[in-house]
Amino acid sequence: MSLTKRILLYVMAAFYVFAGIQHFRVPHFYLPMMPPYLPWHAELVLLSGVAEVLCGLGVLFPQTRKLAAWGTIALLIAVFPANIHVAVNDVPLFGATEGPGAIGYVRLPLQLVLIAWAWWYTKDEAY
């Protein structure tokens, strides 16, 4: 694995582990993201936190890297409706009193970047 790819792997892993832990530290920050049509908001926030931590740790180990990368892609697809909900309804996040406005829409294509980043680690390394 190239040095760049390895560094970005560690950055990705740290990002998901940190984000996942935040779901437990400050779950009330994530509750507004939940679309009203979904049940069990608090439980889904915690479940997504577990998934983020597992994916973040999983990509660090060659034996679980591919599975964790595919899991990350599945997670990003699963939370996409929440990102749409935030953008369309201008939902205030992380204790803010106002919604993010146009920045909420920036997150939508950013999901594709995050998916492509994870997908990079689903490939066998060429030797």
N, C-alpha and C. Protein backbone atom coordinates (compact mmCIF):
# COMPACT_ATOMS: atom_id res chain seq x y z
N MET A 1 0.86 -1.17 0.00
CA MET A 1 0.00 0.00 0.00
C MET A 1 0.90 1.24 0.00
N SER A 2 0.58 2.20 -0.84
CA SER A 2 1.38 3.41 -0.91
C SER A 2 1.29 4.18 0.41
N LEU A 3 2.26 5.03 0.63
CA LEU A 3 2.28 5.84 1.85
C LEU A 3 1.05 6.74 1.93
N THR A 4 0.68 7.33 0.81
CA THR A 4 -0.50 8.21 0.79
C THR A 4 -1.75 7.43 1.15
N LYS A 5 -1.91 6.27 0.56
CA LYS A 5 -3.09 5.46 0.82
C LYS A 5 -3.11 5.01 2.28
N ARG A 6 -1.96 4.67 2.82
CA ARG A 6 -1.87 4.24 4.22
C ARG A 6 -2.22 5.39 5.16
N ILE A 7 -1.69 6.57 4.90
CA ILE A 7 -1.99 7.74 5.74
C ILE A 7 -3.48 8.04 5.69
N LEU A 8 -4.05 8.02 4.48
CA LEU A 8 -5.48 8.29 4.35
C LEU A 8 -6.33 7.21 5.02
N LEU A 9 -5.81 5.99 5.08
CA LEU A 9 -6.50 4.93 5.80
C LEU A 9 -6.58 5.27 7.28
N TYR A 10 -5.47 5.71 7.85
CA TYR A 10 -5.45 6.07 9.28
C TYR A 10 -6.34 7.29 9.54
N VAL A 11 -6.34 8.24 8.63
CA VAL A 11 -7.21 9.41 8.78
C VAL A 11 -8.68 8.97 8.75
N MET A 12 -9.02 8.12 7.79
CA MET A 12 -10.40 7.63 7.69
C MET A 12 -10.79 6.87 8.95
N ALA A 13 -9.92 5.99 9.40
CA ALA A 13 -10.22 5.21 10.61
C ALA A 13 -10.44 6.14 11.80
N ALA A 14 -9.56 7.10 11.99
CA ALA A 14 -9.69 8.04 13.12
C ALA A 14 -10.99 8.83 13.01
N PHE A 15 -11.33 9.26 11.81
CA PHE A 15 -12.56 10.02 11.59
C PHE A 15 -13.78 9.23 12.03
N TYR A 16 -13.88 7.98 11.61
CA TYR A 16 -15.05 7.17 11.94
C TYR A 16 -15.08 6.77 13.41
N VAL A 17 -13.94 6.44 13.98
CA VAL A 17 -13.91 6.10 15.41
C VAL A 17 -14.31 7.32 16.23
N PHE A 18 -13.74 8.48 15.92
CA PHE A 18 -14.09 9.70 16.66
C PHE A 18 -15.58 10.01 16.51
N ALA A 19 -16.07 9.99 15.28
CA ALA A 19 -17.49 10.29 15.04
C ALA A 19 -18.38 9.30 15.76
N GLY A 20 -18.01 8.03 15.74
CA GLY A 20 -18.81 7.02 16.42
C GLY A 20 -18.86 7.24 17.92
N ILE A 21 -17.73 7.57 18.52
CA ILE A 21 -17.69 7.84 19.95
C ILE A 21 -18.56 9.04 20.30
N GLN A 22 -18.57 10.02 19.42
CA GLN A 22 -19.40 11.21 19.66
C GLN A 22 -20.89 10.85 19.77
N HIS A 23 -21.31 9.80 19.08
CA HIS A 23 -22.71 9.37 19.16
C HIS A 23 -23.07 8.95 20.58
N PHE A 24 -22.09 8.52 21.37
CA PHE A 24 -22.32 8.13 22.76
C PHE A 24 -22.09 9.28 23.72
N ARG A 25 -21.14 10.13 23.39
CA ARG A 25 -20.84 11.27 24.27
C ARG A 25 -21.93 12.33 24.22
N VAL A 26 -22.39 12.64 23.02
CA VAL A 26 -23.38 13.72 22.86
C VAL A 26 -24.50 13.27 21.91
N PRO A 27 -25.24 12.24 22.28
CA PRO A 27 -26.27 11.73 21.37
C PRO A 27 -27.33 12.78 21.02
N HIS A 28 -27.56 13.71 21.90
CA HIS A 28 -28.57 14.74 21.61
C HIS A 28 -28.18 15.62 20.43
N PHE A 29 -26.90 15.67 20.08
CA PHE A 29 -26.48 16.42 18.90
C PHE A 29 -26.96 15.75 17.62
N TYR A 30 -27.11 14.44 17.65
CA TYR A 30 -27.45 13.68 16.44
C TYR A 30 -28.96 13.46 16.28
N LEU A 31 -29.69 13.59 17.36
CA LEU A 31 -31.13 13.32 17.30
C LEU A 31 -31.87 14.20 16.29
N PRO A 32 -31.55 15.49 16.17
CA PRO A 32 -32.28 16.31 15.18
C PRO A 32 -32.10 15.85 13.74
N MET A 33 -31.03 15.12 13.46
CA MET A 33 -30.79 14.63 12.10
C MET A 33 -31.77 13.55 11.70
N MET A 34 -32.38 12.91 12.66
CA MET A 34 -33.23 11.76 12.40
C MET A 34 -34.52 12.18 11.70
N PRO A 35 -34.77 11.62 10.52
CA PRO A 35 -36.04 11.93 9.84
C PRO A 35 -37.22 11.46 10.70
N PRO A 36 -38.29 12.21 10.73
CA PRO A 36 -39.42 11.86 11.60
C PRO A 36 -40.07 10.53 11.26
N TYR A 37 -39.92 10.05 10.05
CA TYR A 37 -40.57 8.79 9.67
C TYR A 37 -39.84 7.56 10.20
N LEU A 38 -38.64 7.74 10.75
CA LEU A 38 -37.90 6.61 11.32
C LEU A 38 -38.27 6.43 12.79
N PRO A 39 -38.40 5.18 13.23
CA PRO A 39 -38.66 4.94 14.65
C PRO A 39 -37.35 4.91 15.44
N TRP A 40 -37.45 4.87 16.74
CA TRP A 40 -36.33 4.61 17.64
C TRP A 40 -35.12 5.52 17.38
N HIS A 41 -35.34 6.80 17.40
CA HIS A 41 -34.27 7.75 17.07
C HIS A 41 -33.03 7.56 17.94
N ALA A 42 -33.21 7.50 19.25
CA ALA A 42 -32.05 7.38 20.14
C ALA A 42 -31.29 6.07 19.87
N GLU A 43 -32.03 5.02 19.67
CA GLU A 43 -31.40 3.73 19.42
C GLU A 43 -30.64 3.72 18.09
N LEU A 44 -31.20 4.35 17.09
CA LEU A 44 -30.53 4.41 15.79
C LEU A 44 -29.27 5.27 15.85
N VAL A 45 -29.30 6.32 16.64
CA VAL A 45 -28.10 7.14 16.83
C VAL A 45 -26.99 6.30 17.46
N LEU A 46 -27.33 5.54 18.48
CA LEU A 46 -26.33 4.71 19.15
C LEU A 46 -25.85 3.58 18.23
N LEU A 47 -26.78 2.98 17.49
CA LEU A 47 -26.42 1.91 16.56
C LEU A 47 -25.48 2.43 15.48
N SER A 48 -25.75 3.61 14.96
CA SER A 48 -24.86 4.17 13.94
C SER A 48 -23.50 4.50 14.54
N GLY A 49 -23.48 4.88 15.81
CA GLY A 49 -22.20 5.11 16.48
C GLY A 49 -21.38 3.83 16.60
N VAL A 50 -22.05 2.74 16.97
CA VAL A 50 -21.37 1.44 17.04
C VAL A 50 -20.82 1.08 15.66
N ALA A 51 -21.65 1.25 14.64
CA ALA A 51 -21.22 0.91 13.27
C ALA A 51 -20.02 1.75 12.85
N GLU A 52 -20.01 3.03 13.18
CA GLU A 52 -18.89 3.88 12.80
C GLU A 52 -17.60 3.43 13.49
N VAL A 53 -17.70 3.13 14.79
CA VAL A 53 -16.51 2.68 15.51
C VAL A 53 -16.00 1.36 14.94
N LEU A 54 -16.91 0.41 14.70
CA LEU A 54 -16.49 -0.88 14.15
C LEU A 54 -15.88 -0.74 12.76
N CYS A 55 -16.47 0.09 11.93
CA CYS A 55 -15.91 0.31 10.59
C CYS A 55 -14.55 0.97 10.67
N GLY A 56 -14.44 1.98 11.53
CA GLY A 56 -13.17 2.69 11.69
C GLY A 56 -12.06 1.78 12.17
N LEU A 57 -12.37 0.94 13.14
CA LEU A 57 -11.36 0.00 13.64
C LEU A 57 -11.11 -1.11 12.62
N GLY A 58 -12.17 -1.56 11.97
CA GLY A 58 -12.05 -2.68 11.04
C GLY A 58 -11.15 -2.41 9.85
N VAL A 59 -11.13 -1.18 9.38
CA VAL A 59 -10.28 -0.89 8.21
C VAL A 59 -8.80 -0.91 8.55
N LEU A 60 -8.48 -0.87 9.83
CA LEU A 60 -7.08 -0.86 10.23
C LEU A 60 -6.40 -2.22 10.07
N PHE A 61 -7.18 -3.28 10.06
CA PHE A 61 -6.62 -4.64 10.02
C PHE A 61 -6.81 -5.25 8.64
N PRO A 62 -5.74 -5.74 8.04
CA PRO A 62 -5.85 -6.32 6.69
C PRO A 62 -6.92 -7.41 6.59
N GLN A 63 -7.10 -8.18 7.66
CA GLN A 63 -8.05 -9.29 7.62
C GLN A 63 -9.50 -8.80 7.53
N THR A 64 -9.78 -7.62 8.05
CA THR A 64 -11.16 -7.10 8.08
C THR A 64 -11.33 -5.85 7.22
N ARG A 65 -10.28 -5.42 6.58
CA ARG A 65 -10.32 -4.13 5.86
C ARG A 65 -11.41 -4.08 4.79
N LYS A 66 -11.47 -5.09 3.93
CA LYS A 66 -12.48 -5.06 2.85
C LYS A 66 -13.90 -5.05 3.41
N LEU A 67 -14.16 -5.93 4.36
CA LEU A 67 -15.49 -6.00 4.96
C LEU A 67 -15.85 -4.68 5.64
N ALA A 68 -14.90 -4.10 6.36
CA ALA A 68 -15.15 -2.83 7.04
C ALA A 68 -15.36 -1.70 6.04
N ALA A 69 -14.62 -1.73 4.93
CA ALA A 69 -14.80 -0.69 3.91
C ALA A 69 -16.19 -0.81 3.27
N TRP A 70 -16.61 -2.04 2.97
CA TRP A 70 -17.97 -2.23 2.43
C TRP A 70 -19.02 -1.84 3.48
N GLY A 71 -18.73 -2.14 4.75
CA GLY A 71 -19.64 -1.72 5.82
C GLY A 71 -19.75 -0.22 5.92
N THR A 72 -18.63 0.45 5.72
CA THR A 72 -18.63 1.92 5.73
C THR A 72 -19.49 2.46 4.59
N ILE A 73 -19.36 1.86 3.43
CA ILE A 73 -20.18 2.28 2.29
C ILE A 73 -21.66 2.07 2.60
N ALA A 74 -22.00 0.92 3.15
CA ALA A 74 -23.39 0.64 3.52
C ALA A 74 -23.89 1.64 4.55
N LEU A 75 -23.06 1.96 5.52
CA LEU A 75 -23.44 2.93 6.54
C LEU A 75 -23.68 4.31 5.93
N LEU A 76 -22.80 4.72 5.05
CA LEU A 76 -22.96 6.03 4.40
C LEU A 76 -24.25 6.10 3.58
N ILE A 77 -24.59 5.00 2.94
CA ILE A 77 -25.85 4.95 2.20
C ILE A 77 -27.03 4.97 3.16
N ALA A 78 -26.90 4.25 4.27
CA ALA A 78 -28.00 4.18 5.25
C ALA A 78 -28.29 5.52 5.90
N VAL A 79 -27.27 6.33 6.14
CA VAL A 79 -27.50 7.63 6.80
C VAL A 79 -27.80 8.74 5.81
N PHE A 80 -27.75 8.44 4.52
CA PHE A 80 -28.01 9.48 3.52
C PHE A 80 -29.38 10.12 3.67
N PRO A 81 -30.45 9.38 3.98
CA PRO A 81 -31.74 10.04 4.20
C PRO A 81 -31.70 11.07 5.32
N ALA A 82 -30.90 10.84 6.33
CA ALA A 82 -30.78 11.84 7.40
C ALA A 82 -30.13 13.11 6.87
N ASN A 83 -29.13 12.96 6.00
CA ASN A 83 -28.49 14.14 5.41
C ASN A 83 -29.46 14.90 4.51
N ILE A 84 -30.29 14.18 3.80
CA ILE A 84 -31.32 14.84 2.98
C ILE A 84 -32.30 15.58 3.89
N HIS A 85 -32.71 14.94 4.97
CA HIS A 85 -33.63 15.56 5.94
C HIS A 85 -33.04 16.87 6.47
N VAL A 86 -31.76 16.86 6.83
CA VAL A 86 -31.10 18.06 7.35
C VAL A 86 -31.10 19.17 6.30
N ALA A 87 -30.75 18.82 5.07
CA ALA A 87 -30.65 19.83 4.01
C ALA A 87 -32.02 20.40 3.66
N VAL A 88 -32.98 19.54 3.41
CA VAL A 88 -34.30 19.98 2.95
C VAL A 88 -35.03 20.79 4.02
N ASN A 89 -34.87 20.37 5.28
CA ASN A 89 -35.60 21.02 6.38
C ASN A 89 -34.75 22.02 7.16
N ASP A 90 -33.53 22.27 6.69
CA ASP A 90 -32.62 23.22 7.34
C ASP A 90 -32.58 23.00 8.86
N VAL A 91 -32.29 21.77 9.23
CA VAL A 91 -32.31 21.36 10.63
C VAL A 91 -31.09 21.89 11.37
N PRO A 92 -31.29 22.58 12.50
CA PRO A 92 -30.15 23.01 13.31
C PRO A 92 -29.42 21.79 13.89
N LEU A 93 -28.11 21.82 13.81
CA LEU A 93 -27.31 20.68 14.27
C LEU A 93 -26.33 21.09 15.36
N PHE A 94 -25.95 20.12 16.15
CA PHE A 94 -24.89 20.25 17.14
C PHE A 94 -25.11 21.44 18.08
N GLY A 95 -26.34 21.62 18.49
CA GLY A 95 -26.67 22.67 19.45
C GLY A 95 -26.88 24.04 18.83
N ALA A 96 -26.79 24.16 17.53
CA ALA A 96 -26.99 25.46 16.87
C ALA A 96 -28.46 25.87 16.97
N THR A 97 -28.71 27.15 16.89
CA THR A 97 -30.08 27.65 16.93
C THR A 97 -30.67 27.80 15.53
N GLU A 98 -29.82 27.78 14.52
CA GLU A 98 -30.28 27.88 13.14
C GLU A 98 -29.72 26.71 12.33
N GLY A 99 -30.43 26.39 11.26
CA GLY A 99 -29.97 25.33 10.37
C GLY A 99 -28.75 25.76 9.58
N PRO A 100 -28.08 24.81 8.93
CA PRO A 100 -26.85 25.12 8.21
C PRO A 100 -27.07 25.83 6.87
N GLY A 101 -28.30 25.97 6.43
CA GLY A 101 -28.57 26.62 5.15
C GLY A 101 -27.99 25.81 4.00
N ALA A 102 -27.33 26.50 3.09
CA ALA A 102 -26.79 25.84 1.90
C ALA A 102 -25.73 24.80 2.23
N ILE A 103 -25.06 24.95 3.36
CA ILE A 103 -24.04 23.97 3.75
C ILE A 103 -24.66 22.59 3.94
N GLY A 104 -25.93 22.55 4.32
CA GLY A 104 -26.61 21.27 4.44
C GLY A 104 -26.64 20.51 3.13
N TYR A 105 -26.72 21.25 2.03
CA TYR A 105 -26.72 20.61 0.71
C TYR A 105 -25.31 20.18 0.28
N VAL A 106 -24.29 20.84 0.82
CA VAL A 106 -22.90 20.47 0.50
C VAL A 106 -22.60 19.07 1.02
N ARG A 107 -23.22 18.70 2.12
CA ARG A 107 -22.99 17.37 2.69
C ARG A 107 -23.45 16.26 1.75
N LEU A 108 -24.42 16.54 0.92
CA LEU A 108 -24.98 15.49 0.07
C LEU A 108 -23.94 14.94 -0.91
N PRO A 109 -23.30 15.78 -1.73
CA PRO A 109 -22.27 15.22 -2.62
C PRO A 109 -21.02 14.79 -1.85
N LEU A 110 -20.81 15.33 -0.66
CA LEU A 110 -19.68 14.90 0.14
C LEU A 110 -19.80 13.41 0.49
N GLN A 111 -21.04 12.93 0.61
CA GLN A 111 -21.24 11.50 0.86
C GLN A 111 -20.62 10.66 -0.25
N LEU A 112 -20.70 11.13 -1.48
CA LEU A 112 -20.10 10.39 -2.60
C LEU A 112 -18.58 10.34 -2.46
N VAL A 113 -17.99 11.41 -2.00
CA VAL A 113 -16.54 11.44 -1.77
C VAL A 113 -16.18 10.44 -0.68
N LEU A 114 -16.96 10.42 0.40
CA LEU A 114 -16.69 9.48 1.49
C LEU A 114 -16.88 8.03 1.04
N ILE A 115 -17.88 7.80 0.20
CA ILE A 115 -18.10 6.45 -0.35
C ILE A 115 -16.92 6.04 -1.23
N ALA A 116 -16.47 6.95 -2.09
CA ALA A 116 -15.32 6.64 -2.96
C ALA A 116 -14.07 6.37 -2.12
N TRP A 117 -13.89 7.12 -1.05
CA TRP A 117 -12.74 6.94 -0.17
C TRP A 117 -12.77 5.53 0.44
N ALA A 118 -13.92 5.13 0.96
CA ALA A 118 -14.04 3.78 1.53
C ALA A 118 -13.87 2.72 0.45
N TRP A 119 -14.44 2.96 -0.72
CA TRP A 119 -14.37 1.99 -1.81
C TRP A 119 -12.93 1.69 -2.21
N TRP A 120 -12.07 2.69 -2.08
CA TRP A 120 -10.65 2.56 -2.40
C TRP A 120 -10.03 1.39 -1.62
N TYR A 121 -10.56 1.14 -0.43
CA TYR A 121 -10.02 0.09 0.44
C TYR A 121 -10.73 -1.25 0.27
N THR A 122 -11.63 -1.34 -0.68
CA THR A 122 -12.27 -2.63 -0.98
C THR A 122 -11.46 -3.40 -2.02
N LYS A 123 -10.51 -2.76 -2.61
CA LYS A 123 -9.72 -3.35 -3.70
C LYS A 123 -8.52 -4.11 -3.14
N ASP A 124 -8.19 -5.22 -3.80
CA ASP A 124 -6.96 -5.94 -3.47
C ASP A 124 -5.78 -5.07 -3.85
N GLU A 125 -4.76 -5.16 -3.03
CA GLU A 125 -3.53 -4.42 -3.33
C GLU A 125 -2.77 -5.16 -4.43
N ALA A 126 -2.28 -4.42 -5.38
CA ALA A 126 -1.45 -5.01 -6.45
C ALA A 126 -0.03 -5.15 -5.91
N TYR A 127 0.54 -6.31 -6.11
CA TYR A 127 1.91 -6.53 -5.62
C TYR A 127 2.89 -6.57 -6.76
